[in-house]
Amino acid sequence: MAQRIWLNELRAANVRQSGAMTVLDENQIADVKPGPESNLFFKEVLLQVGALPEAQRITVILVYAEGYSYQQAADILEIPVGTIMSRLAAARVKLKNKFKSNESEFG
């Protein structure tokens, strides 16, 4: 996302300076494919989300993975929106603590 913003700013600057858009060569665009480190991180996140209690796991998947709003997730699960917010907050704390402990283990 940051790369796209940067490219848009470059294009906008070129348009302002020259009055026309410049075509970027393929070698001017950074490779956006996820590297091995990203894949390992995503795998670890998925493992930790999978280890959450069922209610929190389902809520996290609905909101963060599937992109449902809090209200939509509440409607799907037939629970109040406040419960959705509570479950997400608890899940974030658990995940944060888990990743902090992993970070301290590996330096």
PDB file of N, CA and C in Angstrom:
ATOM      1  N   MET A   1       0.825  -1.186   0.000  1.00  0.00           N
ATOM      2  CA  MET A   1       0.000   0.000   0.000  1.00  0.00           C
ATOM      3  C   MET A   1       0.875   1.258   0.000  1.00  0.00           C
ATOM      4  N   ALA A   2       1.902   1.240   0.822  1.00  0.00           N
ATOM      5  CA  ALA A   2       2.801   2.391   0.876  1.00  0.00           C
ATOM      6  C   ALA A   2       3.495   2.591  -0.467  1.00  0.00           C
ATOM      7  N   GLN A   3       3.825   1.474  -1.124  1.00  0.00           N
ATOM      8  CA  GLN A   3       4.465   1.574  -2.430  1.00  0.00           C
ATOM      9  C   GLN A   3       3.523   2.239  -3.430  1.00  0.00           C
ATOM     10  N   ARG A   4       2.269   1.875  -3.423  1.00  0.00           N
ATOM     11  CA  ARG A   4       1.301   2.452  -4.348  1.00  0.00           C
ATOM     12  C   ARG A   4       1.118   3.951  -4.078  1.00  0.00           C
ATOM     13  N   ILE A   5       1.092   4.335  -2.817  1.00  0.00           N
ATOM     14  CA  ILE A   5       0.982   5.759  -2.471  1.00  0.00           C
ATOM     15  C   ILE A   5       2.196   6.510  -3.001  1.00  0.00           C
ATOM     16  N   TRP A   6       3.372   5.914  -2.798  1.00  0.00           N
ATOM     17  CA  TRP A   6       4.605   6.538  -3.274  1.00  0.00           C
ATOM     18  C   TRP A   6       4.578   6.689  -4.791  1.00  0.00           C
ATOM     19  N   LEU A   7       4.166   5.621  -5.509  1.00  0.00           N
ATOM     20  CA  LEU A   7       4.093   5.700  -6.967  1.00  0.00           C
ATOM     21  C   LEU A   7       3.087   6.753  -7.410  1.00  0.00           C
ATOM     22  N   ASN A   8       1.962   6.833  -6.728  1.00  0.00           N
ATOM     23  CA  ASN A   8       0.965   7.858  -7.072  1.00  0.00           C
ATOM     24  C   ASN A   8       1.524   9.266  -6.875  1.00  0.00           C
ATOM     25  N   GLU A   9       2.298   9.444  -5.801  1.00  0.00           N
ATOM     26  CA  GLU A   9       2.908  10.749  -5.567  1.00  0.00           C
ATOM     27  C   GLU A   9       3.928  11.084  -6.648  1.00  0.00           C
ATOM     28  N   LEU A  10       4.704  10.085  -7.077  1.00  0.00           N
ATOM     29  CA  LEU A  10       5.658  10.309  -8.164  1.00  0.00           C
ATOM     30  C   LEU A  10       4.933  10.698  -9.445  1.00  0.00           C
ATOM     31  N   ARG A  11       3.884   9.986  -9.755  1.00  0.00           N
ATOM     32  CA  ARG A  11       3.128  10.287 -10.963  1.00  0.00           C
ATOM     33  C   ARG A  11       2.511  11.679 -10.881  1.00  0.00           C
ATOM     34  N   ALA A  12       1.951  12.007  -9.733  1.00  0.00           N
ATOM     35  CA  ALA A  12       1.334  13.323  -9.561  1.00  0.00           C
ATOM     36  C   ALA A  12       2.377  14.430  -9.718  1.00  0.00           C
ATOM     37  N   ALA A  13       3.553  14.216  -9.164  1.00  0.00           N
ATOM     38  CA  ALA A  13       4.620  15.221  -9.294  1.00  0.00           C
ATOM     39  C   ALA A  13       5.022  15.375 -10.751  1.00  0.00           C
ATOM     40  N   ASN A  14       5.115  14.270 -11.471  1.00  0.00           N
ATOM     41  CA  ASN A  14       5.470  14.335 -12.890  1.00  0.00           C
ATOM     42  C   ASN A  14       4.397  15.056 -13.687  1.00  0.00           C
ATOM     43  N   VAL A  15       3.144  14.798 -13.361  1.00  0.00           N
ATOM     44  CA  VAL A  15       2.051  15.464 -14.080  1.00  0.00           C
ATOM     45  C   VAL A  15       2.103  16.959 -13.825  1.00  0.00           C
ATOM     46  N   ARG A  16       2.335  17.343 -12.580  1.00  0.00           N
ATOM     47  CA  ARG A  16       2.401  18.770 -12.254  1.00  0.00           C
ATOM     48  C   ARG A  16       3.580  19.444 -12.950  1.00  0.00           C
ATOM     49  N   GLN A  17       4.715  18.764 -13.024  1.00  0.00           N
ATOM     50  CA  GLN A  17       5.905  19.361 -13.616  1.00  0.00           C
ATOM     51  C   GLN A  17       5.837  19.407 -15.138  1.00  0.00           C
ATOM     52  N   SER A  18       5.425  18.294 -15.750  1.00  0.00           N
ATOM     53  CA  SER A  18       5.478  18.235 -17.207  1.00  0.00           C
ATOM     54  C   SER A  18       4.119  18.389 -17.866  1.00  0.00           C
ATOM     55  N   GLY A  19       3.059  18.290 -17.102  1.00  0.00           N
ATOM     56  CA  GLY A  19       1.730  18.408 -17.676  1.00  0.00           C
ATOM     57  C   GLY A  19       1.238  17.127 -18.317  1.00  0.00           C
ATOM     58  N   ALA A  20       2.008  16.039 -18.221  1.00  0.00           N
ATOM     59  CA  ALA A  20       1.595  14.755 -18.789  1.00  0.00           C
ATOM     60  C   ALA A  20       2.033  13.624 -17.873  1.00  0.00           C
ATOM     61  N   MET A  21       1.385  12.480 -17.980  1.00  0.00           N
ATOM     62  CA  MET A  21       1.755  11.320 -17.172  1.00  0.00           C
ATOM     63  C   MET A  21       2.947  10.608 -17.777  1.00  0.00           C
ATOM     64  N   THR A  22       3.785  10.087 -16.921  1.00  0.00           N
ATOM     65  CA  THR A  22       4.945   9.341 -17.361  1.00  0.00           C
ATOM     66  C   THR A  22       4.678   7.867 -17.149  1.00  0.00           C
ATOM     67  N   VAL A  23       5.083   7.074 -18.103  1.00  0.00           N
ATOM     68  CA  VAL A  23       4.940   5.626 -17.981  1.00  0.00           C
ATOM     69  C   VAL A  23       6.190   5.098 -17.303  1.00  0.00           C
ATOM     70  N   LEU A  24       5.990   4.337 -16.237  1.00  0.00           N
ATOM     71  CA  LEU A  24       7.121   3.762 -15.524  1.00  0.00           C
ATOM     72  C   LEU A  24       7.504   2.437 -16.157  1.00  0.00           C
ATOM     73  N   ASP A  25       8.800   2.187 -16.265  1.00  0.00           N
ATOM     74  CA  ASP A  25       9.271   0.901 -16.739  1.00  0.00           C
ATOM     75  C   ASP A  25       9.052  -0.138 -15.655  1.00  0.00           C
ATOM     76  N   GLU A  26       9.009  -1.392 -16.066  1.00  0.00           N
ATOM     77  CA  GLU A  26       8.773  -2.464 -15.102  1.00  0.00           C
ATOM     78  C   GLU A  26       9.867  -2.522 -14.048  1.00  0.00           C
ATOM     79  N   ASN A  27      11.116  -2.193 -14.421  1.00  0.00           N
ATOM     80  CA  ASN A  27      12.208  -2.244 -13.449  1.00  0.00           C
ATOM     81  C   ASN A  27      12.166  -1.088 -12.453  1.00  0.00           C
ATOM     82  N   GLN A  28      11.300  -0.101 -12.663  1.00  0.00           N
ATOM     83  CA  GLN A  28      11.153   1.002 -11.722  1.00  0.00           C
ATOM     84  C   GLN A  28      10.138   0.692 -10.623  1.00  0.00           C
ATOM     85  N   ILE A  29       9.412  -0.381 -10.796  1.00  0.00           N
ATOM     86  CA  ILE A  29       8.394  -0.768  -9.823  1.00  0.00           C
ATOM     87  C   ILE A  29       8.966  -1.885  -8.964  1.00  0.00           C
ATOM     88  N   ALA A  30       8.926  -1.692  -7.677  1.00  0.00           N
ATOM     89  CA  ALA A  30       9.462  -2.693  -6.756  1.00  0.00           C
ATOM     90  C   ALA A  30       8.609  -3.954  -6.786  1.00  0.00           C
ATOM     91  N   ASP A  31       9.248  -5.077  -6.499  1.00  0.00           N
ATOM     92  CA  ASP A  31       8.551  -6.355  -6.455  1.00  0.00           C
ATOM     93  C   ASP A  31       7.649  -6.374  -5.230  1.00  0.00           C
ATOM     94  N   VAL A  32       6.356  -6.620  -5.433  1.00  0.00           N
ATOM     95  CA  VAL A  32       5.402  -6.590  -4.327  1.00  0.00           C
ATOM     96  C   VAL A  32       5.001  -7.981  -3.859  1.00  0.00           C
ATOM     97  N   LYS A  33       5.634  -9.009  -4.406  1.00  0.00           N
ATOM     98  CA  LYS A  33       5.327 -10.370  -3.971  1.00  0.00           C
ATOM     99  C   LYS A  33       5.814 -10.551  -2.539  1.00  0.00           C
ATOM    100  N   PRO A  34       5.016 -11.246  -1.715  1.00  0.00           N
ATOM    101  CA  PRO A  34       5.478 -11.465  -0.345  1.00  0.00           C
ATOM    102  C   PRO A  34       6.704 -12.383  -0.333  1.00  0.00           C
ATOM    103  N   GLY A  35       7.640 -12.033   0.508  1.00  0.00           N
ATOM    104  CA  GLY A  35       8.852 -12.825   0.642  1.00  0.00           C
ATOM    105  C   GLY A  35       8.654 -13.951   1.643  1.00  0.00           C
ATOM    106  N   PRO A  36       9.674 -14.767   1.832  1.00  0.00           N
ATOM    107  CA  PRO A  36       9.558 -15.888   2.771  1.00  0.00           C
ATOM    108  C   PRO A  36       9.257 -15.439   4.200  1.00  0.00           C
ATOM    109  N   GLU A  37       9.796 -14.266   4.587  1.00  0.00           N
ATOM    110  CA  GLU A  37       9.536 -13.777   5.938  1.00  0.00           C
ATOM    111  C   GLU A  37       8.057 -13.470   6.126  1.00  0.00           C
ATOM    112  N   SER A  38       7.443 -12.882   5.103  1.00  0.00           N
ATOM    113  CA  SER A  38       6.014 -12.569   5.173  1.00  0.00           C
ATOM    114  C   SER A  38       5.196 -13.841   5.290  1.00  0.00           C
ATOM    115  N   ASN A  39       5.567 -14.849   4.508  1.00  0.00           N
ATOM    116  CA  ASN A  39       4.830 -16.107   4.560  1.00  0.00           C
ATOM    117  C   ASN A  39       4.916 -16.740   5.941  1.00  0.00           C
ATOM    118  N   LEU A  40       6.092 -16.684   6.552  1.00  0.00           N
ATOM    119  CA  LEU A  40       6.247 -17.244   7.897  1.00  0.00           C
ATOM    120  C   LEU A  40       5.422 -16.468   8.913  1.00  0.00           C
ATOM    121  N   PHE A  41       5.415 -15.142   8.774  1.00  0.00           N
ATOM    122  CA  PHE A  41       4.634 -14.316   9.692  1.00  0.00           C
ATOM    123  C   PHE A  41       3.143 -14.606   9.550  1.00  0.00           C
ATOM    124  N   PHE A  42       2.659 -14.681   8.297  1.00  0.00           N
ATOM    125  CA  PHE A  42       1.245 -14.968   8.072  1.00  0.00           C
ATOM    126  C   PHE A  42       0.868 -16.335   8.634  1.00  0.00           C
ATOM    127  N   LYS A  43       1.752 -17.299   8.464  1.00  0.00           N
ATOM    128  CA  LYS A  43       1.498 -18.640   8.996  1.00  0.00           C
ATOM    129  C   LYS A  43       1.384 -18.588  10.516  1.00  0.00           C
ATOM    130  N   GLU A  44       2.295 -17.853  11.149  1.00  0.00           N
ATOM    131  CA  GLU A  44       2.270 -17.737  12.610  1.00  0.00           C
ATOM    132  C   GLU A  44       1.001 -17.044  13.085  1.00  0.00           C
ATOM    133  N   VAL A  45       0.589 -15.983  12.376  1.00  0.00           N
ATOM    134  CA  VAL A  45      -0.644 -15.283  12.744  1.00  0.00           C
ATOM    135  C   VAL A  45      -1.829 -16.228  12.639  1.00  0.00           C
ATOM    136  N   LEU A  46      -1.909 -16.975  11.546  1.00  0.00           N
ATOM    137  CA  LEU A  46      -3.023 -17.916  11.372  1.00  0.00           C
ATOM    138  C   LEU A  46      -3.030 -18.984  12.461  1.00  0.00           C
ATOM    139  N   LEU A  47      -1.856 -19.468  12.819  1.00  0.00           N
ATOM    140  CA  LEU A  47      -1.777 -20.466  13.893  1.00  0.00           C
ATOM    141  C   LEU A  47      -2.281 -19.887  15.210  1.00  0.00           C
ATOM    142  N   GLN A  48      -1.875 -18.649  15.505  1.00  0.00           N
ATOM    143  CA  GLN A  48      -2.291 -18.035  16.768  1.00  0.00           C
ATOM    144  C   GLN A  48      -3.782 -17.705  16.769  1.00  0.00           C
ATOM    145  N   VAL A  49      -4.308 -17.269  15.628  1.00  0.00           N
ATOM    146  CA  VAL A  49      -5.754 -17.016  15.540  1.00  0.00           C
ATOM    147  C   VAL A  49      -6.503 -18.329  15.719  1.00  0.00           C
ATOM    148  N   GLY A  50      -5.986 -19.397  15.131  1.00  0.00           N
ATOM    149  CA  GLY A  50      -6.612 -20.712  15.278  1.00  0.00           C
ATOM    150  C   GLY A  50      -6.591 -21.221  16.705  1.00  0.00           C
ATOM    151  N   ALA A  51      -5.648 -20.738  17.509  1.00  0.00           N
ATOM    152  CA  ALA A  51      -5.541 -21.176  18.900  1.00  0.00           C
ATOM    153  C   ALA A  51      -6.449 -20.377  19.839  1.00  0.00           C
ATOM    154  N   LEU A  52      -7.086 -19.324  19.332  1.00  0.00           N
ATOM    155  CA  LEU A  52      -8.003 -18.537  20.174  1.00  0.00           C
ATOM    156  C   LEU A  52      -9.232 -19.369  20.536  1.00  0.00           C
ATOM    157  N   PRO A  53      -9.905 -19.018  21.627  1.00  0.00           N
ATOM    158  CA  PRO A  53     -11.179 -19.675  21.932  1.00  0.00           C
ATOM    159  C   PRO A  53     -12.151 -19.486  20.765  1.00  0.00           C
ATOM    160  N   GLU A  54     -13.041 -20.455  20.587  1.00  0.00           N
ATOM    161  CA  GLU A  54     -13.915 -20.473  19.416  1.00  0.00           C
ATOM    162  C   GLU A  54     -14.667 -19.164  19.188  1.00  0.00           C
ATOM    163  N   ALA A  55     -15.252 -18.600  20.219  1.00  0.00           N
ATOM    164  CA  ALA A  55     -16.038 -17.374  20.063  1.00  0.00           C
ATOM    165  C   ALA A  55     -15.163 -16.231  19.539  1.00  0.00           C
ATOM    166  N   GLN A  56     -13.958 -16.100  20.087  1.00  0.00           N
ATOM    167  CA  GLN A  56     -13.047 -15.047  19.634  1.00  0.00           C
ATOM    168  C   GLN A  56     -12.545 -15.331  18.226  1.00  0.00           C
ATOM    169  N   ARG A  57     -12.217 -16.592  17.956  1.00  0.00           N
ATOM    170  CA  ARG A  57     -11.706 -16.969  16.641  1.00  0.00           C
ATOM    171  C   ARG A  57     -12.725 -16.660  15.541  1.00  0.00           C
ATOM    172  N   ILE A  58     -13.966 -17.035  15.756  1.00  0.00           N
ATOM    173  CA  ILE A  58     -15.008 -16.786  14.759  1.00  0.00           C
ATOM    174  C   ILE A  58     -15.197 -15.288  14.551  1.00  0.00           C
ATOM    175  N   THR A  59     -15.189 -14.539  15.626  1.00  0.00           N
ATOM    176  CA  THR A  59     -15.365 -13.087  15.531  1.00  0.00           C
ATOM    177  C   THR A  59     -14.201 -12.441  14.773  1.00  0.00           C
ATOM    178  N   VAL A  60     -12.977 -12.849  15.083  1.00  0.00           N
ATOM    179  CA  VAL A  60     -11.794 -12.316  14.393  1.00  0.00           C
ATOM    180  C   VAL A  60     -11.871 -12.632  12.905  1.00  0.00           C
ATOM    181  N   ILE A  61     -12.247 -13.836  12.561  1.00  0.00           N
ATOM    182  CA  ILE A  61     -12.319 -14.218  11.149  1.00  0.00           C
ATOM    183  C   ILE A  61     -13.396 -13.422  10.428  1.00  0.00           C
ATOM    184  N   LEU A  62     -14.562 -13.279  11.051  1.00  0.00           N
ATOM    185  CA  LEU A  62     -15.638 -12.526  10.401  1.00  0.00           C
ATOM    186  C   LEU A  62     -15.244 -11.068  10.148  1.00  0.00           C
ATOM    187  N   VAL A  63     -14.656 -10.437  11.148  1.00  0.00           N
ATOM    188  CA  VAL A  63     -14.364  -8.999  11.035  1.00  0.00           C
ATOM    189  C   VAL A  63     -13.069  -8.743  10.270  1.00  0.00           C
ATOM    190  N   TYR A  64     -11.979  -9.405  10.642  1.00  0.00           N
ATOM    191  CA  TYR A  64     -10.684  -9.079  10.057  1.00  0.00           C
ATOM    192  C   TYR A  64     -10.396  -9.831   8.766  1.00  0.00           C
ATOM    193  N   ALA A  65     -10.819 -11.078   8.662  1.00  0.00           N
ATOM    194  CA  ALA A  65     -10.528 -11.847   7.445  1.00  0.00           C
ATOM    195  C   ALA A  65     -11.618 -11.660   6.395  1.00  0.00           C
ATOM    196  N   GLU A  66     -12.872 -11.757   6.814  1.00  0.00           N
ATOM    197  CA  GLU A  66     -13.978 -11.663   5.865  1.00  0.00           C
ATOM    198  C   GLU A  66     -14.386 -10.217   5.580  1.00  0.00           C
ATOM    199  N   GLY A  67     -14.020  -9.299   6.459  1.00  0.00           N
ATOM    200  CA  GLY A  67     -14.288  -7.891   6.216  1.00  0.00           C
ATOM    201  C   GLY A  67     -15.676  -7.410   6.609  1.00  0.00           C
ATOM    202  N   TYR A  68     -16.376  -8.183   7.417  1.00  0.00           N
ATOM    203  CA  TYR A  68     -17.693  -7.740   7.873  1.00  0.00           C
ATOM    204  C   TYR A  68     -17.542  -6.614   8.893  1.00  0.00           C
ATOM    205  N   SER A  69     -18.508  -5.719   8.917  1.00  0.00           N
ATOM    206  CA  SER A  69     -18.514  -4.672   9.934  1.00  0.00           C
ATOM    207  C   SER A  69     -18.893  -5.309  11.270  1.00  0.00           C
ATOM    208  N   TYR A  70     -18.702  -4.559  12.349  1.00  0.00           N
ATOM    209  CA  TYR A  70     -19.086  -5.075  13.658  1.00  0.00           C
ATOM    210  C   TYR A  70     -20.573  -5.413  13.680  1.00  0.00           C
ATOM    211  N   GLN A  71     -21.384  -4.545  13.100  1.00  0.00           N
ATOM    212  CA  GLN A  71     -22.832  -4.770  13.095  1.00  0.00           C
ATOM    213  C   GLN A  71     -23.194  -6.009  12.279  1.00  0.00           C
ATOM    214  N   GLN A  72     -22.558  -6.168  11.129  1.00  0.00           N
ATOM    215  CA  GLN A  72     -22.838  -7.345  10.302  1.00  0.00           C
ATOM    216  C   GLN A  72     -22.431  -8.625  11.020  1.00  0.00           C
ATOM    217  N   ALA A  73     -21.274  -8.608  11.660  1.00  0.00           N
ATOM    218  CA  ALA A  73     -20.830  -9.789  12.409  1.00  0.00           C
ATOM    219  C   ALA A  73     -21.783 -10.075  13.559  1.00  0.00           C
ATOM    220  N   ALA A  74     -22.249  -9.030  14.217  1.00  0.00           N
ATOM    221  CA  ALA A  74     -23.208  -9.212  15.314  1.00  0.00           C
ATOM    222  C   ALA A  74     -24.500  -9.827  14.790  1.00  0.00           C
ATOM    223  N   ASP A  75     -24.951  -9.380  13.637  1.00  0.00           N
ATOM    224  CA  ASP A  75     -26.162  -9.942  13.044  1.00  0.00           C
ATOM    225  C   ASP A  75     -25.973 -11.410  12.666  1.00  0.00           C
ATOM    226  N   ILE A  76     -24.831 -11.733  12.094  1.00  0.00           N
ATOM    227  CA  ILE A  76     -24.547 -13.111  11.701  1.00  0.00           C
ATOM    228  C   ILE A  76     -24.527 -14.025  12.919  1.00  0.00           C
ATOM    229  N   LEU A  77     -23.874 -13.577  13.985  1.00  0.00           N
ATOM    230  CA  LEU A  77     -23.749 -14.398  15.196  1.00  0.00           C
ATOM    231  C   LEU A  77     -24.936 -14.248  16.153  1.00  0.00           C
ATOM    232  N   GLU A  78     -25.828 -13.322  15.811  1.00  0.00           N
ATOM    233  CA  GLU A  78     -27.019 -13.056  16.625  1.00  0.00           C
ATOM    234  C   GLU A  78     -26.656 -12.705  18.068  1.00  0.00           C
ATOM    235  N   ILE A  79     -25.706 -11.752  18.173  1.00  0.00           N
ATOM    236  CA  ILE A  79     -25.274 -11.253  19.473  1.00  0.00           C
ATOM    237  C   ILE A  79     -25.180  -9.732  19.391  1.00  0.00           C
ATOM    238  N   PRO A  80     -25.120  -9.041  20.534  1.00  0.00           N
ATOM    239  CA  PRO A  80     -24.999  -7.576  20.503  1.00  0.00           C
ATOM    240  C   PRO A  80     -23.640  -7.121  19.951  1.00  0.00           C
ATOM    241  N   VAL A  81     -23.612  -5.916  19.393  1.00  0.00           N
ATOM    242  CA  VAL A  81     -22.383  -5.341  18.852  1.00  0.00           C
ATOM    243  C   VAL A  81     -21.333  -5.205  19.953  1.00  0.00           C
ATOM    244  N   GLY A  82     -21.751  -4.883  21.143  1.00  0.00           N
ATOM    245  CA  GLY A  82     -20.820  -4.762  22.266  1.00  0.00           C
ATOM    246  C   GLY A  82     -20.066  -6.057  22.527  1.00  0.00           C
ATOM    247  N   THR A  83     -20.724  -7.186  22.320  1.00  0.00           N
ATOM    248  CA  THR A  83     -20.065  -8.479  22.498  1.00  0.00           C
ATOM    249  C   THR A  83     -19.002  -8.682  21.429  1.00  0.00           C
ATOM    250  N   ILE A  84     -19.302  -8.245  20.218  1.00  0.00           N
ATOM    251  CA  ILE A  84     -18.313  -8.320  19.131  1.00  0.00           C
ATOM    252  C   ILE A  84     -17.077  -7.506  19.516  1.00  0.00           C
ATOM    253  N   MET A  85     -17.300  -6.280  19.963  1.00  0.00           N
ATOM    254  CA  MET A  85     -16.179  -5.419  20.341  1.00  0.00           C
ATOM    255  C   MET A  85     -15.387  -6.029  21.491  1.00  0.00           C
ATOM    256  N   SER A  86     -16.074  -6.612  22.453  1.00  0.00           N
ATOM    257  CA  SER A  86     -15.419  -7.229  23.602  1.00  0.00           C
ATOM    258  C   SER A  86     -14.566  -8.429  23.171  1.00  0.00           C
ATOM    259  N   ARG A  87     -15.131  -9.268  22.318  1.00  0.00           N
ATOM    260  CA  ARG A  87     -14.389 -10.443  21.848  1.00  0.00           C
ATOM    261  C   ARG A  87     -13.158 -10.035  21.050  1.00  0.00           C
ATOM    262  N   LEU A  88     -13.305  -9.019  20.206  1.00  0.00           N
ATOM    263  CA  LEU A  88     -12.165  -8.565  19.413  1.00  0.00           C
ATOM    264  C   LEU A  88     -11.074  -7.968  20.298  1.00  0.00           C
ATOM    265  N   ALA A  89     -11.488  -7.205  21.290  1.00  0.00           N
ATOM    266  CA  ALA A  89     -10.511  -6.607  22.208  1.00  0.00           C
ATOM    267  C   ALA A  89      -9.752  -7.702  22.958  1.00  0.00           C
ATOM    268  N   ALA A  90     -10.458  -8.707  23.430  1.00  0.00           N
ATOM    269  CA  ALA A  90      -9.815  -9.812  24.148  1.00  0.00           C
ATOM    270  C   ALA A  90      -8.874 -10.578  23.218  1.00  0.00           C
ATOM    271  N   ALA A  91      -9.300 -10.798  21.987  1.00  0.00           N
ATOM    272  CA  ALA A  91      -8.456 -11.514  21.016  1.00  0.00           C
ATOM    273  C   ALA A  91      -7.200 -10.718  20.704  1.00  0.00           C
ATOM    274  N   ARG A  92      -7.337  -9.403  20.538  1.00  0.00           N
ATOM    275  CA  ARG A  92      -6.168  -8.564  20.256  1.00  0.00           C
ATOM    276  C   ARG A  92      -5.171  -8.619  21.400  1.00  0.00           C
ATOM    277  N   VAL A  93      -5.658  -8.588  22.630  1.00  0.00           N
ATOM    278  CA  VAL A  93      -4.768  -8.647  23.797  1.00  0.00           C
ATOM    279  C   VAL A  93      -4.030  -9.983  23.819  1.00  0.00           C
ATOM    280  N   LYS A  94      -4.756 -11.071  23.588  1.00  0.00           N
ATOM    281  CA  LYS A  94      -4.110 -12.391  23.585  1.00  0.00           C
ATOM    282  C   LYS A  94      -3.061 -12.489  22.494  1.00  0.00           C
ATOM    283  N   LEU A  95      -3.392 -12.026  21.300  1.00  0.00           N
ATOM    284  CA  LEU A  95      -2.444 -12.099  20.194  1.00  0.00           C
ATOM    285  C   LEU A  95      -1.235 -11.201  20.444  1.00  0.00           C
ATOM    286  N   LYS A  96      -1.486 -10.013  20.960  1.00  0.00           N
ATOM    287  CA  LYS A  96      -0.393  -9.090  21.269  1.00  0.00           C
ATOM    288  C   LYS A  96       0.557  -9.711  22.289  1.00  0.00           C
ATOM    289  N   ASN A  97      -0.004 -10.288  23.346  1.00  0.00           N
ATOM    290  CA  ASN A  97       0.833 -10.907  24.381  1.00  0.00           C
ATOM    291  C   ASN A  97       1.610 -12.092  23.828  1.00  0.00           C
ATOM    292  N   LYS A  98       0.971 -12.868  22.982  1.00  0.00           N
ATOM    293  CA  LYS A  98       1.646 -14.030  22.399  1.00  0.00           C
ATOM    294  C   LYS A  98       2.808 -13.590  21.518  1.00  0.00           C
ATOM    295  N   PHE A  99       2.587 -12.584  20.695  1.00  0.00           N
ATOM    296  CA  PHE A  99       3.653 -12.141  19.805  1.00  0.00           C
ATOM    297  C   PHE A  99       4.753 -11.415  20.572  1.00  0.00           C
ATOM    298  N   LYS A 100       4.393 -10.723  21.659  1.00  0.00           N
ATOM    299  CA  LYS A 100       5.433 -10.105  22.488  1.00  0.00           C
ATOM    300  C   LYS A 100       6.306 -11.171  23.140  1.00  0.00           C
ATOM    301  N   SER A 101       5.678 -12.257  23.620  1.00  0.00           N
ATOM    302  CA  SER A 101       6.463 -13.324  24.248  1.00  0.00           C
ATOM    303  C   SER A 101       7.324 -14.021  23.218  1.00  0.00           C
ATOM    304  N   ASN A 102       6.822 -14.202  21.996  1.00  0.00           N
ATOM    305  CA  ASN A 102       7.641 -14.794  20.927  1.00  0.00           C
ATOM    306  C   ASN A 102       8.810 -13.890  20.568  1.00  0.00           C
ATOM    307  N   GLU A 103       8.571 -12.588  20.561  1.00  0.00           N
ATOM    308  CA  GLU A 103       9.616 -11.621  20.217  1.00  0.00           C
ATOM    309  C   GLU A 103      10.740 -11.670  21.256  1.00  0.00           C
ATOM    310  N   SER A 104      10.372 -11.763  22.533  1.00  0.00           N
ATOM    311  CA  SER A 104      11.391 -11.803  23.577  1.00  0.00           C
ATOM    312  C   SER A 104      12.158 -13.116  23.557  1.00  0.00           C
ATOM    313  N   GLU A 105      11.526 -14.204  23.106  1.00  0.00           N
ATOM    314  CA  GLU A 105      12.206 -15.495  23.026  1.00  0.00           C
ATOM    315  C   GLU A 105      13.280 -15.489  21.941  1.00  0.00           C
ATOM    316  N   PHE A 106      12.979 -14.801  20.815  1.00  0.00           N
ATOM    317  CA  PHE A 106      13.883 -14.842  19.676  1.00  0.00           C
ATOM    318  C   PHE A 106      14.764 -13.600  19.562  1.00  0.00           C
ATOM    319  N   GLY A 107      14.657 -12.714  20.531  1.00  0.00           N
ATOM    320  CA  GLY A 107      15.552 -11.564  20.542  1.00  0.00           C
ATOM    321  C   GLY A 107      14.926 -10.418  19.895  1.00  0.00           C
TER     322      GLY A 107
END
